[in-house]
Each structure stands twice: as structure tokens, then as C-alpha cells.
C-alpha atoms as a PDB file:
ATOM      1  CA  UNK A   1      10.592  15.506 181.729  1.00  0.00           C
ATOM      2  CA  UNK A   2       8.524  16.039 184.843  1.00  0.00           C
ATOM      3  CA  UNK A   3       5.487  17.385 183.008  1.00  0.00           C
ATOM      4  CA  UNK A   4       5.108  14.088 181.184  1.00  0.00           C
ATOM      5  CA  UNK A   5       4.316  12.326 184.481  1.00  0.00           C
ATOM      6  CA  UNK A   6       0.877  13.894 184.676  1.00  0.00           C
ATOM      7  CA  UNK A   7      -2.303  11.799 184.528  1.00  0.00           C
ATOM      8  CA  UNK A   8      -3.516  10.930 181.029  1.00  0.00           C
ATOM      9  CA  UNK A   9      -5.756  13.635 179.688  1.00  0.00           C
ATOM     10  CA  UNK A  10      -3.912  16.484 181.387  1.00  0.00           C
ATOM     11  CA  UNK A  11      -5.085  18.512 184.344  1.00  0.00           C
ATOM     12  CA  UNK A  12      -8.481  17.565 185.745  1.00  0.00           C
ATOM     13  CA  UNK A  13      -9.558  20.781 187.438  1.00  0.00           C
ATOM     14  CA  UNK A  14     -12.590  19.073 188.973  1.00  0.00           C
ATOM     15  CA  UNK A  15     -10.416  16.822 191.167  1.00  0.00           C
ATOM     16  CA  UNK A  16      -7.301  18.969 191.497  1.00  0.00           C
ATOM     17  CA  UNK A  17      -7.580  19.231 195.304  1.00  0.00           C
ATOM     18  CA  UNK A  18      -8.716  15.637 195.879  1.00  0.00           C
ATOM     19  CA  UNK A  19      -5.664  13.686 197.105  1.00  0.00           C
ATOM     20  CA  UNK A  20      -7.535  10.393 196.652  1.00  0.00           C
ATOM     21  CA  UNK A  21      -7.965  11.056 192.919  1.00  0.00           C
ATOM     22  CA  UNK A  22      -4.251  10.671 192.138  1.00  0.00           C
ATOM     23  CA  UNK A  23      -0.913   9.516 193.513  1.00  0.00           C
ATOM     24  CA  UNK A  24       2.058  11.719 194.510  1.00  0.00           C
ATOM     25  CA  UNK A  25       3.923  11.090 191.243  1.00  0.00           C
ATOM     26  CA  UNK A  26       0.997  12.122 189.053  1.00  0.00           C
ATOM     27  CA  UNK A  27       0.380  15.187 191.269  1.00  0.00           C
ATOM     28  CA  UNK A  28       4.035  16.140 190.797  1.00  0.00           C
ATOM     29  CA  UNK A  29       3.688  15.682 187.031  1.00  0.00           C
ATOM     30  CA  UNK A  30       0.476  17.707 187.028  1.00  0.00           C
ATOM     31  CA  UNK A  31       2.244  20.540 188.868  1.00  0.00           C
ATOM     32  CA  UNK A  32       5.039  20.519 186.275  1.00  0.00           C
ATOM     33  CA  UNK A  33       2.508  20.603 183.421  1.00  0.00           C
ATOM     34  CA  UNK A  34       0.738  23.515 185.149  1.00  0.00           C
ATOM     35  CA  UNK A  35       4.084  25.349 185.387  1.00  0.00           C
ATOM     36  CA  UNK A  36       4.572  24.932 181.648  1.00  0.00           C
ATOM     37  CA  UNK A  37       1.061  26.077 180.804  1.00  0.00           C
ATOM     38  CA  UNK A  38       1.322  29.056 183.136  1.00  0.00           C
ATOM     39  CA  UNK A  39       4.717  30.041 181.726  1.00  0.00           C
ATOM     40  CA  UNK A  40       3.405  29.919 178.168  1.00  0.00           C
ATOM     41  CA  UNK A  41       0.325  31.959 179.151  1.00  0.00           C
ATOM     42  CA  UNK A  42       2.413  34.543 181.007  1.00  0.00           C
ATOM     43  CA  UNK A  43       4.774  34.869 178.035  1.00  0.00           C
ATOM     44  CA  UNK A  44       1.762  35.584 175.798  1.00  0.00           C
ATOM     45  CA  UNK A  45       0.393  38.178 178.235  1.00  0.00           C
ATOM     46  CA  UNK A  46       3.733  39.985 178.416  1.00  0.00           C
ATOM     47  CA  UNK A  47       4.728  39.687 174.762  1.00  0.00           C
ATOM     48  CA  UNK A  48       4.731  43.462 174.280  1.00  0.00           C
ATOM     49  CA  UNK A  49       6.685  44.149 177.478  1.00  0.00           C
ATOM     50  CA  UNK A  50      10.403  44.046 178.119  1.00  0.00           C
ATOM     51  CA  UNK A  51       9.896  40.889 180.190  1.00  0.00           C
ATOM     52  CA  UNK A  52      11.128  37.532 178.926  1.00  0.00           C
ATOM     53  CA  UNK A  53       9.256  34.552 180.337  1.00  0.00           C
ATOM     54  CA  UNK A  54      10.581  31.067 179.699  1.00  0.00           C
ATOM     55  CA  UNK A  55      10.063  27.757 181.462  1.00  0.00           C
ATOM     56  CA  UNK A  56      13.007  25.828 182.852  1.00  0.00           C
ATOM     57  CA  UNK A  57      13.402  22.184 183.817  1.00  0.00           C
ATOM     58  CA  UNK A  58      16.541  21.953 185.953  1.00  0.00           C
ATOM     59  CA  UNK A  59      16.989  18.247 185.262  1.00  0.00           C
ATOM     60  CA  UNK A  60      17.714  15.539 187.788  1.00  0.00           C
ATOM     61  CA  UNK A  61      19.396  17.488 190.575  1.00  0.00           C
ATOM     62  CA  UNK A  62      20.664  16.146 193.883  1.00  0.00           C
ATOM     63  CA  UNK A  63      18.221  17.969 196.137  1.00  0.00           C
ATOM     64  CA  UNK A  64      16.042  16.764 198.971  1.00  0.00           C
ATOM     65  CA  UNK A  65      13.013  16.254 196.727  1.00  0.00           C
ATOM     66  CA  UNK A  66      12.697  12.625 197.823  1.00  0.00           C
ATOM     67  CA  UNK A  67      13.488  13.203 201.508  1.00  0.00           C
ATOM     68  CA  UNK A  68      10.061  11.791 202.423  1.00  0.00           C
ATOM     69  CA  UNK A  69      10.301   9.007 199.873  1.00  0.00           C
ATOM     70  CA  UNK A  70      10.060   6.241 202.443  1.00  0.00           C
ATOM     71  CA  UNK A  71       6.703   7.565 203.669  1.00  0.00           C
ATOM     72  CA  UNK A  72       5.406   7.833 200.106  1.00  0.00           C
ATOM     73  CA  UNK A  73       6.989   4.892 198.285  1.00  0.00           C
ATOM     74  CA  UNK A  74       8.302   2.520 200.947  1.00  0.00           C
ATOM     75  CA  UNK A  75      11.814   1.763 202.169  1.00  0.00           C
ATOM     76  CA  UNK A  76      13.077  -0.214 199.158  1.00  0.00           C
ATOM     77  CA  UNK A  77      12.029   2.435 196.630  1.00  0.00           C
ATOM     78  CA  UNK A  78      13.411   5.224 198.826  1.00  0.00           C
ATOM     79  CA  UNK A  79      16.794   3.473 199.031  1.00  0.00           C
ATOM     80  CA  UNK A  80      16.737   2.984 195.249  1.00  0.00           C
ATOM     81  CA  UNK A  81      16.041   6.712 194.699  1.00  0.00           C
ATOM     82  CA  UNK A  82      18.864   7.640 197.078  1.00  0.00           C
ATOM     83  CA  UNK A  83      21.270   5.414 195.143  1.00  0.00           C
ATOM     84  CA  UNK A  84      20.018   6.743 191.805  1.00  0.00           C
ATOM     85  CA  UNK A  85      20.482  10.301 193.024  1.00  0.00           C
ATOM     86  CA  UNK A  86      24.054   9.605 194.163  1.00  0.00           C
ATOM     87  CA  UNK A  87      24.948   8.027 190.823  1.00  0.00           C
ATOM     88  CA  UNK A  88      23.034  10.080 188.271  1.00  0.00           C
ATOM     89  CA  UNK A  89      21.911  13.439 189.648  1.00  0.00           C
ATOM     90  CA  UNK A  90      23.646  16.726 188.965  1.00  0.00           C
ATOM     91  CA  UNK A  91      25.028  18.819 191.768  1.00  0.00           C
ATOM     92  CA  UNK A  92      22.795  21.818 192.557  1.00  0.00           C
ATOM     93  CA  UNK A  93      25.438  24.173 191.160  1.00  0.00           C
ATOM     94  CA  UNK A  94      25.121  22.488 187.769  1.00  0.00           C
ATOM     95  CA  UNK A  95      21.338  22.185 188.021  1.00  0.00           C
ATOM     96  CA  UNK A  96      21.098  25.964 188.407  1.00  0.00           C
ATOM     97  CA  UNK A  97      22.894  26.736 185.138  1.00  0.00           C
ATOM     98  CA  UNK A  98      19.823  26.616 182.903  1.00  0.00           C
ATOM     99  CA  UNK A  99      17.889  28.962 185.196  1.00  0.00           C
ATOM    100  CA  UNK A 100      20.891  31.293 185.292  1.00  0.00           C
ATOM    101  CA  UNK A 101      21.103  31.242 181.491  1.00  0.00           C
ATOM    102  CA  UNK A 102      17.435  32.197 181.125  1.00  0.00           C
ATOM    103  CA  UNK A 103      17.692  34.886 183.797  1.00  0.00           C
ATOM    104  CA  UNK A 104      20.981  36.510 182.778  1.00  0.00           C
ATOM    105  CA  UNK A 105      21.989  35.693 179.209  1.00  0.00           C
ATOM    106  CA  UNK A 106      21.892  38.672 176.831  1.00  0.00           C
ATOM    107  CA  UNK A 107      20.930  36.145 174.146  1.00  0.00           C
ATOM    108  CA  UNK A 108      17.423  35.835 175.638  1.00  0.00           C
ATOM    109  CA  UNK A 109      16.686  39.503 175.059  1.00  0.00           C
ATOM    110  CA  UNK A 110      18.746  39.899 171.867  1.00  0.00           C
ATOM    111  CA  UNK A 111      16.958  36.996 170.154  1.00  0.00           C
ATOM    112  CA  UNK A 112      13.584  37.810 171.785  1.00  0.00           C
ATOM    113  CA  UNK A 113      13.308  34.315 173.273  1.00  0.00           C
ATOM    114  CA  UNK A 114       9.928  34.029 175.004  1.00  0.00           C
ATOM    115  CA  UNK A 115       7.634  31.206 176.035  1.00  0.00           C
ATOM    116  CA  UNK A 116      10.231  28.508 175.392  1.00  0.00           C
ATOM    117  CA  UNK A 117      10.998  25.388 177.408  1.00  0.00           C
ATOM    118  CA  UNK A 118      14.615  24.809 178.434  1.00  0.00           C
ATOM    119  CA  UNK A 119      16.329  21.688 179.771  1.00  0.00           C
ATOM    120  CA  UNK A 120      19.927  21.215 180.985  1.00  0.00           C
ATOM    121  CA  UNK A 121      22.096  22.849 180.147  1.00  0.00           C
ATOM    122  CA  UNK A 122      20.390  25.795 178.412  1.00  0.00           C
ATOM    123  CA  UNK A 123      18.909  23.638 175.631  1.00  0.00           C
ATOM    124  CA  UNK A 124      15.535  24.481 174.151  1.00  0.00           C
ATOM    125  CA  UNK A 125      13.109  21.565 173.885  1.00  0.00           C
ATOM    126  CA  UNK A 126       9.697  21.254 172.288  1.00  0.00           C
ATOM    127  CA  UNK A 127       7.108  20.308 174.916  1.00  0.00           C
ATOM    128  CA  UNK A 128       5.138  17.085 174.950  1.00  0.00           C
ATOM    129  CA  UNK A 129       2.189  16.561 172.620  1.00  0.00           C
ATOM    130  CA  UNK A 130      -0.195  16.771 175.574  1.00  0.00           C
ATOM    131  CA  UNK A 131       1.047  20.243 176.452  1.00  0.00           C
ATOM    132  CA  UNK A 132       0.383  21.360 172.896  1.00  0.00           C
ATOM    133  CA  UNK A 133      -3.133  19.884 173.058  1.00  0.00           C
ATOM    134  CA  UNK A 134      -3.778  21.612 176.409  1.00  0.00           C
ATOM    135  CA  UNK A 135      -2.622  24.905 174.926  1.00  0.00           C
ATOM    136  CA  UNK A 136      -4.912  24.483 171.918  1.00  0.00           C
ATOM    137  CA  UNK A 137      -7.871  23.530 174.105  1.00  0.00           C
ATOM    138  CA  UNK A 138      -7.199  26.395 176.487  1.00  0.00           C
ATOM    139  CA  UNK A 139      -6.609  29.174 173.963  1.00  0.00           C
ATOM    140  CA  UNK A 140      -7.499  31.856 176.467  1.00  0.00           C
ATOM    141  CA  UNK A 141      -4.866  33.568 178.567  1.00  0.00           C
ATOM    142  CA  UNK A 142      -4.233  30.621 180.856  1.00  0.00           C
ATOM    143  CA  UNK A 143      -6.588  31.972 183.499  1.00  0.00           C
ATOM    144  CA  UNK A 144      -7.779  28.466 184.388  1.00  0.00           C
ATOM    145  CA  UNK A 145      -4.426  28.047 186.108  1.00  0.00           C
ATOM    146  CA  UNK A 146      -4.860  31.120 188.269  1.00  0.00           C
ATOM    147  CA  UNK A 147      -7.458  31.423 191.008  1.00  0.00           C
ATOM    148  CA  UNK A 148      -9.518  34.537 190.509  1.00  0.00           C
ATOM    149  CA  UNK A 149     -11.421  35.682 193.595  1.00  0.00           C
ATOM    150  CA  UNK A 150     -13.066  38.631 191.821  1.00  0.00           C
END
């Protein structure tokens, strides 16, 4: 899953805006890990509301995510990713099914499903060990992931 591509040790908030401190793949992984942490924190904050927050990984979907791959990874790797996408990636219509399930299924509300991580197609998955460690270390409300100008 994308969140497992983050740098070892999780999110380093001291260097989060320093592009020289990491490569594009680890920054992508870090952003996915932040999405998971934020989703879990938001689910905790809204646990007494009629709002159901879950985190969704759409899977490998044929989008334009690697459209600048040649600039980032070089021509050979970009061509490889294009081929891989043609052969293995889901069509966007299929990639959207898990998000649609979480947003519209009566099961989410009926079973009070909150703060869970879903992968294609509408399957719940336990997050990586590092996510669990980050959650334990950051037992507050996840505010480290949200800029507070107050």
C-alpha cells in the first residue's frame, strides 16, 4: 500500500518541507501515511457524531499519476511504469468502487464502521505496523498533521 513507501521512522516533521531530505517516492508514501493518520484522528474526533470517517486506498488505478515520470525517474523507468499501468492497473471506474462503498453503503452506518482502512474492492485491511506505532506515539487528536495558526 502507498503508506508503506514512507521513509523509515515515519513522518519527520522537522524536514517535511525540505525537498532535499527525501525523494519523490518517499514523499508520496509520507503523504499516504499522513492521510491514514489524519483519517484515524478525524474518526476519533467525530466518534459521537453521525459522520463516518474511513480511509480508502483506491489501488493501482490507470490515472495520470506518473505523467511526469520521465522528469522524475528517467525515460526507461517511465516507459516501464506506462507498460505496467496498461497491463495491471484498474480502470478509474473500478478504482472508484471502494470510495463509493464507503460513501454510500448503508452497511457503514448500520455497522458503525469508523476509522477503518479499505482497499479494493471494499475490503477492510489492518494498517502497517508503523502506522500503529505512529498512532501510539501520537495519542493526541492528530493535531500534528494539521497546521494551527492560532
